[in-house]
Protein backbone atom coordinates (compact mmCIF):
# COMPACT_ATOMS: atom_id res chain seq x y z
CA MET A 1 40.52 8.76 -19.16
CA LYS A 2 38.26 5.97 -17.91
CA TRP A 3 39.70 6.41 -14.42
CA MET A 4 38.85 10.12 -14.51
CA ALA A 5 35.35 9.40 -15.83
CA ALA A 6 34.69 7.16 -12.84
CA ALA A 7 36.49 9.30 -10.24
CA LEU A 8 34.64 12.55 -10.94
CA PRO A 9 31.09 11.20 -10.36
CA ALA A 10 32.30 9.29 -7.28
CA ALA A 11 33.83 12.46 -5.81
CA LEU A 12 30.64 14.40 -6.56
CA LEU A 13 28.51 11.77 -4.81
CA LEU A 14 30.75 11.84 -1.73
CA LEU A 15 30.89 15.64 -1.51
CA LEU A 16 27.24 16.33 -2.35
CA PRO A 17 25.89 16.31 1.26
CA PHE A 18 28.46 18.93 2.29
CA PHE A 19 27.39 21.67 -0.14
CA ALA A 20 23.87 20.80 -1.38
CA GLY A 21 20.50 21.52 0.22
CA ASP A 22 17.91 18.94 1.20
CA PHE A 23 16.11 19.20 -2.16
CA TYR A 24 19.16 18.17 -4.13
CA ILE A 25 20.14 15.52 -1.60
CA ASN A 26 16.66 14.00 -1.85
CA LEU A 27 16.87 14.16 -5.63
CA ALA A 28 20.23 12.36 -5.51
CA SER A 29 18.67 9.66 -3.30
CA GLN A 30 15.92 9.14 -5.87
CA ILE A 31 18.53 8.88 -8.63
CA LEU A 32 20.45 6.24 -6.67
CA ILE A 33 17.27 4.17 -6.23
CA ALA A 34 16.41 4.53 -9.92
CA ALA A 35 20.00 3.61 -10.86
CA ILE A 36 19.83 0.32 -8.92
CA PHE A 37 16.50 -0.45 -10.58
CA ALA A 38 17.84 0.35 -14.07
CA LEU A 39 21.03 -1.65 -13.46
CA SER A 40 18.97 -4.69 -12.45
CA LEU A 41 16.91 -4.40 -15.64
CA ASN A 42 20.12 -4.00 -17.65
CA LEU A 43 21.16 -7.50 -16.58
CA LEU A 44 18.24 -8.76 -18.63
CA VAL A 45 18.19 -6.26 -21.48
CA GLY A 46 21.84 -5.43 -22.07
CA PHE A 47 23.70 -8.54 -20.97
CA GLY A 48 21.02 -11.18 -21.47
CA GLY A 49 19.21 -9.87 -24.55
CA MET A 50 15.84 -10.22 -22.77
CA THR A 51 13.79 -7.04 -23.15
CA SER A 52 11.29 -6.85 -20.30
CA LEU A 53 8.38 -4.46 -19.79
CA GLY A 54 7.39 -5.89 -16.42
CA HIS A 55 10.40 -5.24 -14.23
CA ALA A 56 8.41 -2.92 -11.97
CA SER A 57 6.80 -6.07 -10.57
CA TYR A 58 9.83 -6.70 -8.36
CA LEU A 59 10.13 -3.13 -7.14
CA GLY A 60 6.43 -2.93 -6.36
CA VAL A 61 6.03 -6.35 -4.75
CA ALA A 62 9.05 -5.90 -2.47
CA ALA A 63 7.77 -2.45 -1.48
CA TYR A 64 4.26 -3.75 -0.78
CA PHE A 65 5.55 -6.73 1.20
CA SER A 66 7.68 -4.46 3.38
CA ALA A 67 4.85 -1.94 3.86
CA LEU A 68 2.30 -4.59 4.83
CA LEU A 69 4.62 -6.53 7.14
CA THR A 70 5.72 -3.45 9.08
CA SER A 71 2.50 -1.43 9.19
CA ARG A 72 -0.15 -4.13 9.43
CA TYR A 73 1.50 -7.22 10.88
CA GLY A 74 3.97 -5.65 13.28
CA PHE A 75 7.24 -6.99 11.90
CA GLY A 76 10.47 -5.09 12.35
CA HIS A 77 12.19 -3.56 9.34
CA GLY A 78 15.00 -6.13 9.34
CA SER A 79 12.80 -9.23 9.30
CA ALA A 80 10.33 -7.55 6.93
CA ALA A 81 13.15 -6.73 4.49
CA ILE A 82 14.41 -10.34 4.50
CA MET A 83 10.92 -11.76 3.95
CA SER A 84 10.19 -9.18 1.25
CA ILE A 85 13.33 -10.05 -0.69
CA MET A 86 12.72 -13.78 -0.29
CA GLY A 87 9.18 -13.35 -1.58
CA THR A 88 10.45 -11.29 -4.52
CA ILE A 89 13.05 -13.94 -5.37
CA LEU A 90 10.41 -16.68 -5.35
CA MET A 91 8.14 -14.57 -7.54
CA ALA A 92 11.02 -13.89 -9.95
CA ALA A 93 11.74 -17.63 -10.13
CA PHE A 94 8.08 -18.34 -10.92
CA PHE A 95 7.73 -15.50 -13.43
CA GLY A 96 11.00 -16.51 -15.07
CA THR A 97 9.75 -20.06 -15.53
CA ILE A 98 6.72 -18.69 -17.39
CA ALA A 99 8.36 -15.85 -19.35
CA LEU A 100 11.37 -17.83 -20.54
CA ARG A 101 9.12 -20.17 -22.46
CA ALA A 102 9.36 -17.47 -25.14
CA THR A 103 12.00 -15.14 -26.54
CA GLY A 104 12.02 -11.74 -28.20
CA LEU A 105 8.62 -10.10 -28.54
CA GLY A 106 6.89 -13.06 -26.87
CA PHE A 107 9.09 -12.67 -23.78
CA LEU A 108 8.37 -8.94 -23.66
CA MET A 109 4.61 -9.50 -23.88
CA ILE A 110 4.61 -12.17 -21.17
CA THR A 111 6.52 -9.95 -18.74
CA LEU A 112 4.13 -7.10 -19.54
CA ALA A 113 1.09 -9.33 -18.95
CA LEU A 114 2.41 -10.63 -15.62
CA SER A 115 3.14 -7.10 -14.47
CA GLN A 116 -0.35 -5.96 -15.45
CA VAL A 117 -1.87 -8.79 -13.41
CA LEU A 118 -0.04 -7.59 -10.30
CA TRP A 119 -0.95 -3.98 -11.03
CA GLY A 120 -4.63 -4.96 -11.29
CA LEU A 121 -4.48 -6.96 -8.07
CA ALA A 122 -2.94 -4.01 -6.22
CA TYR A 123 -5.93 -1.90 -7.23
CA ARG A 124 -8.62 -4.56 -6.72
CA MET A 125 -7.45 -6.09 -3.44
CA SER A 126 -8.29 -2.93 -1.54
CA ASP A 127 -8.77 -4.78 1.76
CA LEU A 128 -5.08 -5.68 1.67
CA THR A 129 -3.41 -2.94 -0.36
CA ASN A 130 -5.84 -0.07 0.35
CA GLY A 131 -6.39 0.19 -3.40
CA ASP A 132 -5.99 3.57 -5.06
CA ASN A 133 -5.33 5.24 -1.69
CA GLY A 134 -2.12 3.30 -1.23
CA ILE A 135 -0.44 2.55 2.09
CA ALA A 136 0.71 5.65 3.95
CA GLY A 137 2.21 6.42 7.35
CA LEU A 138 5.21 4.14 6.90
CA THR A 139 8.51 4.56 8.68
CA ARG A 140 12.16 4.24 7.75
CA PRO A 141 14.47 1.67 9.35
CA ALA A 142 17.28 2.55 11.74
CA PRO A 143 20.21 0.28 10.78
CA PHE A 144 22.67 -0.16 13.67
CA GLY A 145 20.55 2.29 15.63
CA ILE A 146 21.11 5.13 13.12
CA PRO A 147 17.81 6.83 12.17
CA LEU A 148 17.32 7.58 8.48
CA ASP A 149 14.69 10.27 8.84
CA SER A 150 16.94 13.12 7.69
CA ALA A 151 17.74 13.66 4.02
CA VAL A 152 21.49 13.33 4.58
CA ALA A 153 21.26 10.12 6.62
CA PHE A 154 19.06 8.44 4.04
CA TYR A 155 21.34 9.61 1.24
CA TRP A 156 24.38 7.95 2.82
CA PHE A 157 22.37 4.77 3.32
CA ALA A 158 21.17 4.78 -0.31
CA LEU A 159 24.70 5.54 -1.54
CA ILE A 160 26.20 2.60 0.36
CA VAL A 161 23.52 0.22 -0.94
CA ALA A 162 23.89 1.57 -4.50
CA ALA A 163 27.68 1.22 -4.43
CA PHE A 164 27.38 -2.35 -3.17
CA ALA A 165 24.73 -3.15 -5.81
CA PHE A 166 26.93 -1.69 -8.56
CA LEU A 167 29.91 -3.71 -7.36
CA MET A 168 27.97 -6.97 -7.14
CA MET A 169 26.42 -6.55 -10.57
CA ALA A 170 29.83 -5.63 -12.01
CA ILE A 171 31.29 -8.83 -10.54
CA PHE A 172 28.33 -10.80 -11.90
CA VAL A 173 28.69 -9.63 -15.50
CA SER A 174 32.51 -9.87 -15.50
CA SER A 175 32.52 -13.41 -14.08
CA SER A 176 32.64 -16.59 -16.13
CA PHE A 177 28.87 -16.86 -15.66
CA GLY A 178 28.52 -13.35 -17.09
CA SER A 179 30.58 -14.41 -20.10
CA SER A 180 28.30 -17.39 -20.64
CA LEU A 181 25.29 -15.06 -20.36
CA LYS A 182 26.70 -12.85 -23.12
CA GLY A 183 27.40 -15.96 -25.18
CA VAL A 184 23.79 -17.11 -24.78
CA ARG A 185 22.65 -13.63 -25.77
CA ASP A 186 24.71 -13.64 -28.98
CA GLN A 187 24.88 -17.31 -29.97
CA PRO A 188 22.39 -19.47 -28.01
CA ARG A 189 22.60 -22.46 -30.38
CA ARG A 190 26.39 -22.49 -30.36
CA MET A 191 26.42 -22.25 -26.55
CA ALA A 192 24.00 -25.17 -26.33
CA ALA A 193 26.20 -27.17 -28.68
CA LEU A 194 29.15 -26.46 -26.37
CA GLY A 195 27.26 -28.03 -23.46
CA PHE A 196 25.79 -24.94 -21.78
CA ASN A 197 22.13 -24.72 -20.75
CA PRO A 198 20.85 -21.41 -22.21
CA TRP A 199 17.50 -21.62 -20.41
CA MET A 200 19.09 -22.15 -17.00
CA ILE A 201 21.58 -19.31 -17.54
CA ARG A 202 18.74 -16.95 -18.45
CA TRP A 203 16.60 -18.16 -15.54
CA ILE A 204 19.34 -17.56 -12.97
CA THR A 205 19.93 -14.09 -14.44
CA PHE A 206 16.20 -13.41 -14.32
CA ILE A 207 16.14 -14.25 -10.61
CA TYR A 208 19.26 -12.20 -9.88
CA ALA A 209 17.77 -9.20 -11.69
CA GLY A 210 14.56 -9.65 -9.69
CA PHE A 211 16.59 -9.67 -6.47
CA TRP A 212 18.14 -6.28 -7.18
CA GLY A 213 14.79 -4.99 -8.39
CA GLY A 214 13.46 -5.96 -4.96
CA ILE A 215 16.32 -4.12 -3.25
CA SER A 216 15.42 -0.97 -5.17
CA GLY A 217 11.80 -1.51 -4.08
CA LEU A 218 12.80 -1.53 -0.42
CA LEU A 219 14.75 1.70 -0.86
CA TYR A 220 11.81 3.15 -2.78
CA VAL A 221 9.31 2.50 0.01
CA TYR A 222 11.77 3.62 2.69
CA TYR A 223 12.34 6.89 0.88
CA ASN A 224 8.71 7.70 0.09
CA LYS A 225 7.22 6.17 3.26
CA TYR A 226 4.26 5.42 1.02
CA ILE A 227 3.40 2.87 -1.67
CA HIS A 228 0.78 3.05 -4.43
CA PRO A 229 -0.21 0.67 -7.27
CA THR A 230 1.50 2.98 -9.78
CA SER A 231 4.81 1.51 -8.59
CA LEU A 232 3.73 -1.68 -10.41
CA SER A 233 2.58 0.09 -13.56
CA THR A 234 3.91 -0.22 -17.08
CA THR A 235 5.06 3.39 -16.84
CA SER A 236 7.54 2.50 -14.09
CA SER A 237 8.92 -0.38 -16.18
CA ALA A 238 9.05 1.80 -19.30
CA GLU A 239 11.00 4.55 -17.50
CA ALA A 240 13.59 2.00 -16.38
CA LEU A 241 13.80 0.57 -19.90
CA LEU A 242 14.27 4.08 -21.32
CA SER A 243 17.03 4.67 -18.77
CA VAL A 244 18.84 1.52 -19.90
CA ILE A 245 18.52 2.22 -23.62
CA ALA A 246 19.27 5.95 -23.41
CA GLY A 247 22.32 5.47 -21.21
CA GLY A 248 23.63 2.44 -23.10
CA SER A 249 22.49 -1.13 -22.59
CA GLY A 250 25.16 -3.72 -21.96
CA THR A 251 27.29 -1.22 -20.03
CA LEU A 252 27.48 -0.61 -16.30
CA GLY A 253 27.60 3.18 -16.45
CA GLY A 254 24.85 3.52 -19.04
CA PRO A 255 21.82 2.74 -16.84
CA VAL A 256 23.15 5.09 -14.15
CA VAL A 257 23.46 7.95 -16.65
CA GLY A 258 20.07 7.11 -18.15
CA ALA A 259 18.38 6.99 -14.74
CA THR A 260 19.93 10.37 -13.88
CA LEU A 261 18.61 11.86 -17.11
CA VAL A 262 15.08 10.50 -16.62
CA LEU A 263 14.90 11.63 -12.97
CA LEU A 264 16.18 15.11 -13.77
CA LEU A 265 13.64 15.53 -16.55
CA LYS A 266 10.91 14.10 -14.34
CA ASN A 267 11.65 16.47 -11.45
CA TYR A 268 12.60 19.63 -13.34
CA ALA A 269 10.70 19.48 -16.62
CA SER A 270 7.46 18.43 -14.92
CA ALA A 271 7.56 21.67 -12.91
CA TYR A 272 7.34 23.72 -16.12
CA ILE A 273 5.80 21.35 -18.67
CA GLU A 274 2.58 19.49 -17.88
CA ARG A 275 3.30 16.73 -20.40
CA TRP A 276 6.94 16.19 -19.50
CA ASN A 277 6.77 12.68 -20.97
CA MET A 278 6.63 14.30 -24.41
CA LEU A 279 9.92 16.09 -23.71
CA LEU A 280 11.40 12.81 -22.51
CA GLY A 281 10.33 11.22 -25.78
CA LEU A 282 11.99 13.99 -27.79
CA VAL A 283 15.21 13.65 -25.77
CA PHE A 284 15.13 9.90 -26.26
CA LEU A 285 14.58 10.36 -30.02
CA PHE A 286 17.57 12.71 -30.17
CA ILE A 287 19.76 10.17 -28.35
CA VAL A 288 18.68 7.36 -30.69
CA LEU A 289 19.44 9.47 -33.78
CA VAL A 290 22.76 10.93 -32.57
CA MET A 291 24.01 8.13 -30.31
CA PRO A 292 22.10 4.98 -31.33
CA THR A 293 24.05 2.79 -28.89
CA GLY A 294 23.37 5.13 -25.94
CA ILE A 295 25.03 8.05 -24.20
CA VAL A 296 27.93 6.20 -22.55
CA PRO A 297 28.98 4.14 -25.62
CA GLY A 298 28.51 7.25 -27.77
CA LEU A 299 30.76 9.36 -25.54
CA ASN A 300 33.34 6.57 -25.46
CA LYS A 301 33.40 6.50 -29.26
CA LEU A 302 33.70 10.28 -29.39
CA ALA A 303 36.60 10.23 -26.92
CA ALA A 304 38.33 7.51 -28.95
CA ARG A 305 38.01 9.61 -32.12
CA LEU A 306 39.41 12.67 -30.35
CA ARG A 307 42.37 10.66 -29.10
CA ARG A 308 43.06 9.32 -32.59
CA GLY A 309 42.75 12.83 -34.03
CA SER A 310 45.21 14.26 -31.49
CA ARG A 311 47.77 11.66 -32.53
């Protein structure tokens, strides 16, 4: 059953470019970017027990770095991407040092405050970021000489990156370090008594989550060919957090399902309902009431009950 649940979406993703139009291919590319972003946040929320409302910082900073380096300072996409990710990692290390001084609500508020500082700077530093107008006229890279200007070409690129990101995060959480992270989440005092360093484990996870948040930021700016301060906003962080919680935190499939749900509502519902966020809130409320652990864990429990009933 689990094999079928994984094989069907994989087959759909591989076959999509052969039967779908550009609109749906572009929508799938957006979902892949949002899935990487939600998966990176899930490392903190689901596996580390660190609820963050400032994760958009890494997406936005990586996107801005790449945009500025390529459009204003003449760097190529390859070198700009490396420098953008390195800058995002350093920022994550610094922010983690500050935020991990607290836990629970204090941690959430610190991450929110740091994100708001960056959001304000993106608006105020108009000489650098072009303020509310954003940075437009950007281009997409051409890895190995393959241009990504078409919807299909970019989709394959995003799919490869998303598959690699999913694999690497799966290895991370299933490793011995991932086990220690879960132990710190559930029993930090016991883990400390066993000789582990809970702060260091959380800090390394914070940096790793920031790294993948930066990767999603690069894909984001490549796809849109434009970057605006809203990418750093609390709304962007909240949408990712909703994706994690709705899909099922602490699972690998949950954030992907949650990101798909949020993107579909955002693209379809917003065309018919002006305040589509209200509909998203109602859907989220329904999920919390019916499947309090999220869609993926809820469906797993339902499938287990059906199997027991059939026996």
